[in-house]
Protein backbone atom coordinates (compact mmCIF):
# COMPACT_ATOMS: atom_id res chain seq x y z
CA MET A 1 -16.96 -2.79 49.45
CA THR A 2 -18.46 -6.16 48.39
CA ASP A 3 -21.66 -4.43 47.23
CA ILE A 4 -19.71 -2.02 45.00
CA LEU A 5 -17.68 -4.86 43.50
CA LEU A 6 -20.79 -6.95 42.79
CA ARG A 7 -22.55 -3.97 41.17
CA LEU A 8 -19.41 -3.24 39.12
CA ALA A 9 -19.29 -6.86 37.95
CA ALA A 10 -23.02 -6.86 37.11
CA VAL A 11 -22.89 -3.56 35.19
CA GLY A 12 -19.75 -4.79 33.41
CA LEU A 13 -21.65 -7.89 32.31
CA LEU A 14 -24.56 -5.77 31.02
CA ARG A 15 -22.16 -3.36 29.27
CA ASN A 16 -20.44 -6.20 27.42
CA ARG A 17 -23.76 -7.73 26.39
CA ALA A 18 -25.11 -4.31 25.33
CA ASN A 19 -21.98 -3.71 23.22
CA ALA A 20 -22.41 -7.10 21.57
CA ALA A 21 -26.11 -6.38 20.84
CA TYR A 22 -25.27 -2.90 19.52
CA ASN A 23 -22.56 -4.31 17.23
CA ALA A 24 -24.94 -7.00 15.93
CA LEU A 25 -27.58 -4.36 15.09
CA ARG A 26 -24.93 -2.16 13.42
CA ALA A 27 -23.88 -5.11 11.26
CA GLU A 28 -27.51 -5.76 10.31
CA ALA A 29 -28.11 -2.08 9.40
CA GLU A 30 -24.86 -2.00 7.43
CA LYS A 31 -26.17 -4.66 5.01
CA ASP A 32 -28.80 -2.24 3.68
CA MET A 33 -26.64 0.90 3.69
CA LYS A 34 -24.19 2.24 1.13
CA ARG A 35 -20.94 3.98 2.04
CA ALA A 36 -21.57 7.62 3.02
CA ASP A 37 -25.30 7.04 3.69
CA ARG A 38 -26.83 9.18 6.42
CA LEU A 39 -30.33 8.18 7.52
CA SER A 40 -32.53 10.17 9.90
CA VAL A 41 -34.02 8.46 12.96
CA TRP A 42 -37.43 9.72 14.13
CA ASP A 43 -39.81 8.65 16.87
CA PRO A 44 -42.70 6.44 15.64
CA ASP A 45 -44.96 9.50 15.13
CA GLU A 46 -42.17 11.27 13.19
CA LYS A 47 -42.46 14.33 15.41
CA ILE A 48 -39.16 14.10 17.29
CA TYR A 49 -35.85 13.85 15.43
CA LEU A 50 -33.64 11.47 17.44
CA GLY A 51 -30.45 11.62 15.41
CA ALA A 52 -28.87 9.93 12.44
CA VAL A 53 -27.41 6.57 11.56
CA SER A 54 -24.53 6.98 9.16
CA LYS A 55 -22.08 4.74 7.38
CA THR A 56 -18.57 6.11 7.03
CA ASN A 57 -16.83 6.44 3.69
CA PRO A 58 -13.08 6.18 4.35
CA GLU A 59 -10.82 6.64 1.35
CA LYS A 60 -7.35 5.52 0.38
CA THR A 61 -4.55 7.70 1.69
CA ALA A 62 -1.09 8.33 0.31
CA GLY A 63 2.16 7.73 2.17
CA VAL A 64 5.84 7.34 1.38
CA GLY A 65 6.56 3.63 1.13
CA ASP A 66 10.05 3.82 -0.38
CA VAL A 67 11.97 6.82 0.92
CA GLU A 68 14.95 6.33 -1.42
CA ALA A 69 12.83 5.97 -4.58
CA PHE A 70 10.84 9.07 -3.65
CA LEU A 71 14.02 11.03 -2.89
CA SER A 72 15.54 10.01 -6.24
CA TRP A 73 12.40 11.16 -8.08
CA VAL A 74 12.33 14.50 -6.23
CA LYS A 75 16.05 15.06 -6.90
CA ALA A 76 15.48 14.49 -10.63
CA THR A 77 12.16 16.30 -10.93
CA TYR A 78 12.13 18.99 -8.19
CA PRO A 79 15.76 19.44 -7.09
CA ASP A 80 15.00 22.64 -5.16
CA ASP A 81 12.79 20.58 -2.84
CA VAL A 82 15.65 18.41 -1.59
CA ASP A 83 17.19 19.41 1.70
CA TRP A 84 19.91 18.13 3.99
CA ASP A 85 19.59 16.41 7.34
CA MET A 86 21.95 14.50 9.63
CA ASP A 87 22.19 10.97 10.90
CA ILE A 88 23.81 10.57 14.30
CA VAL A 89 26.33 7.77 13.86
CA GLY A 90 28.11 7.69 17.25
CA PRO A 91 26.96 6.11 20.52
CA ASP A 92 24.42 8.24 22.39
CA ASP A 93 26.60 9.00 25.42
CA GLU A 94 29.55 10.02 23.23
CA VAL A 95 27.35 12.09 20.93
CA LYS A 96 25.78 13.97 23.82
CA ALA A 97 29.15 14.81 25.33
CA VAL A 98 30.98 15.66 22.11
CA LEU A 99 28.22 17.32 20.10
CA TYR A 100 28.07 19.88 22.82
CA GLN A 101 31.57 20.81 21.68
CA HIS A 102 30.63 20.57 17.92
CA ALA A 103 32.43 17.33 17.02
CA LYS A 104 31.59 16.95 13.34
CA HIS A 105 32.88 13.37 13.08
CA LEU A 106 29.71 12.21 14.87
CA VAL A 107 27.27 13.49 12.26
CA LYS A 108 26.68 12.67 8.62
CA LEU A 109 24.74 14.86 6.21
CA LYS A 110 22.03 13.20 4.17
CA GLU A 111 19.53 14.42 1.60
CA ILE A 112 15.84 14.47 2.47
CA VAL A 113 12.72 15.75 0.76
CA LYS A 114 11.56 19.00 2.34
CA PRO A 115 8.58 18.30 4.60
CA ALA A 116 6.39 20.94 2.91
CA PHE A 117 7.03 19.39 -0.52
CA ARG A 118 6.38 15.89 0.83
CA ALA A 119 3.02 17.16 2.11
CA LYS A 120 2.23 18.63 -1.35
CA VAL A 121 2.94 15.29 -3.03
CA LEU A 122 0.82 13.38 -0.51
CA GLU A 123 -2.00 15.91 -0.94
CA ALA A 124 -1.80 15.60 -4.76
CA SER A 125 -1.75 11.80 -4.44
CA ASN A 126 -4.78 11.79 -2.16
CA ALA A 127 -6.64 14.04 -4.63
CA ALA A 128 -5.67 11.86 -7.63
CA LYS A 129 -6.27 8.64 -5.65
CA GLU A 130 -2.92 7.38 -6.97
CA PRO A 131 0.73 8.43 -6.55
CA ALA A 132 0.97 11.92 -8.10
CA GLY A 133 3.22 14.96 -8.09
CA PRO A 134 2.10 18.53 -7.42
CA LYS A 135 1.82 19.28 -11.16
CA GLY A 136 -0.29 16.19 -11.84
CA GLU A 137 2.56 13.79 -12.70
CA LEU A 138 1.52 10.20 -12.06
CA ASP A 139 3.45 7.12 -10.94
CA VAL A 140 5.62 9.02 -8.45
CA PRO A 141 8.22 6.51 -7.19
CA GLY A 142 8.15 5.72 -3.49
CA ILE A 143 4.55 6.82 -2.90
CA ILE A 144 2.06 4.16 -1.88
CA MET A 145 -1.69 4.28 -1.45
CA SER A 146 -3.03 2.49 1.57
CA ALA A 147 -6.22 0.54 1.26
CA ALA A 148 -9.32 2.37 2.40
CA ALA A 149 -10.36 1.46 5.90
CA SER A 150 -13.54 -0.50 6.23
CA SER A 151 -16.63 1.60 6.77
CA ASN A 152 -18.76 1.35 9.87
CA VAL A 153 -22.25 2.29 10.97
CA GLN A 154 -22.83 4.61 13.89
CA PHE A 155 -25.71 6.44 15.59
CA ARG A 156 -25.35 10.12 16.49
CA PRO A 157 -28.12 11.11 18.91
CA THR A 158 -29.70 14.52 19.37
CA ALA A 159 -30.15 16.10 22.80
CA GLU A 160 -33.77 14.83 22.87
CA ALA A 161 -32.88 11.25 21.96
CA SER A 162 -32.13 9.94 25.46
CA ALA A 163 -35.42 10.89 27.08
CA THR A 164 -37.49 9.95 24.02
CA LEU A 165 -35.79 6.57 23.53
CA THR A 166 -36.10 5.81 27.25
CA GLU A 167 -39.86 6.41 27.06
CA LEU A 168 -40.18 4.37 23.83
CA ILE A 169 -38.34 1.43 25.40
CA ARG A 170 -40.34 1.60 28.66
CA SER A 171 -43.64 1.77 26.77
CA GLY A 172 -42.70 -1.20 24.59
CA ALA A 173 -42.88 0.84 21.37
CA VAL A 174 -39.22 -0.04 20.72
CA LYS A 175 -38.13 -3.59 21.46
CA VAL A 176 -34.60 -4.11 22.73
CA PRO A 177 -32.95 -7.40 23.65
CA ASP A 178 -33.18 -8.59 27.25
CA LEU A 179 -29.51 -8.48 28.12
CA LEU A 180 -29.98 -11.10 30.83
CA ASP A 181 -31.24 -13.61 28.25
CA VAL A 182 -28.14 -13.25 26.06
CA PRO A 183 -25.92 -16.33 26.41
CA ASP A 184 -22.42 -15.94 27.79
CA ALA A 185 -19.46 -16.09 25.43
CA PRO A 186 -17.99 -19.64 25.19
CA ASP A 187 -14.92 -18.60 27.16
CA GLY A 188 -16.96 -16.76 29.78
CA GLY A 189 -15.45 -13.54 28.40
CA GLU A 190 -17.76 -10.99 29.92
């Protein structure tokens, strides 16, 4: 068992160092790439396509940030898209026992925006890149736009990439860091 544990520890160390090296190279490549770039990766002779390095292009997305403001706007603008729902106001054990017998004093009706209409407004907002209604109205109360996520660089290999890259590394045509020469993290966090 000791041999397995030592090998696990050693491979874990190499994995962590490889991840750190990979992330450092991604950050370096990202400096020269624009959002949504997709660059082909070929072997040195440009005969074998190895895959692509791409930089994501996340966009802002719409969500409901103020349920009451959105509900008020829908009630005034699209009243047919308001529905009713219930809030359970009694303790769980009492509600379970009494609801079974249809005790109406344990429920309270409340207005909600119909889920299909909510989806339409969020879709229109995502398309307009700002809070918008389904007919193009802007400044819809209660709708917020989240900040776009940061983009990241990634490599998507082809089926041939593994064997070709292995040969390129072994032959010295592609230089990779010696993972045993990488210093440990200050806290020993391997």
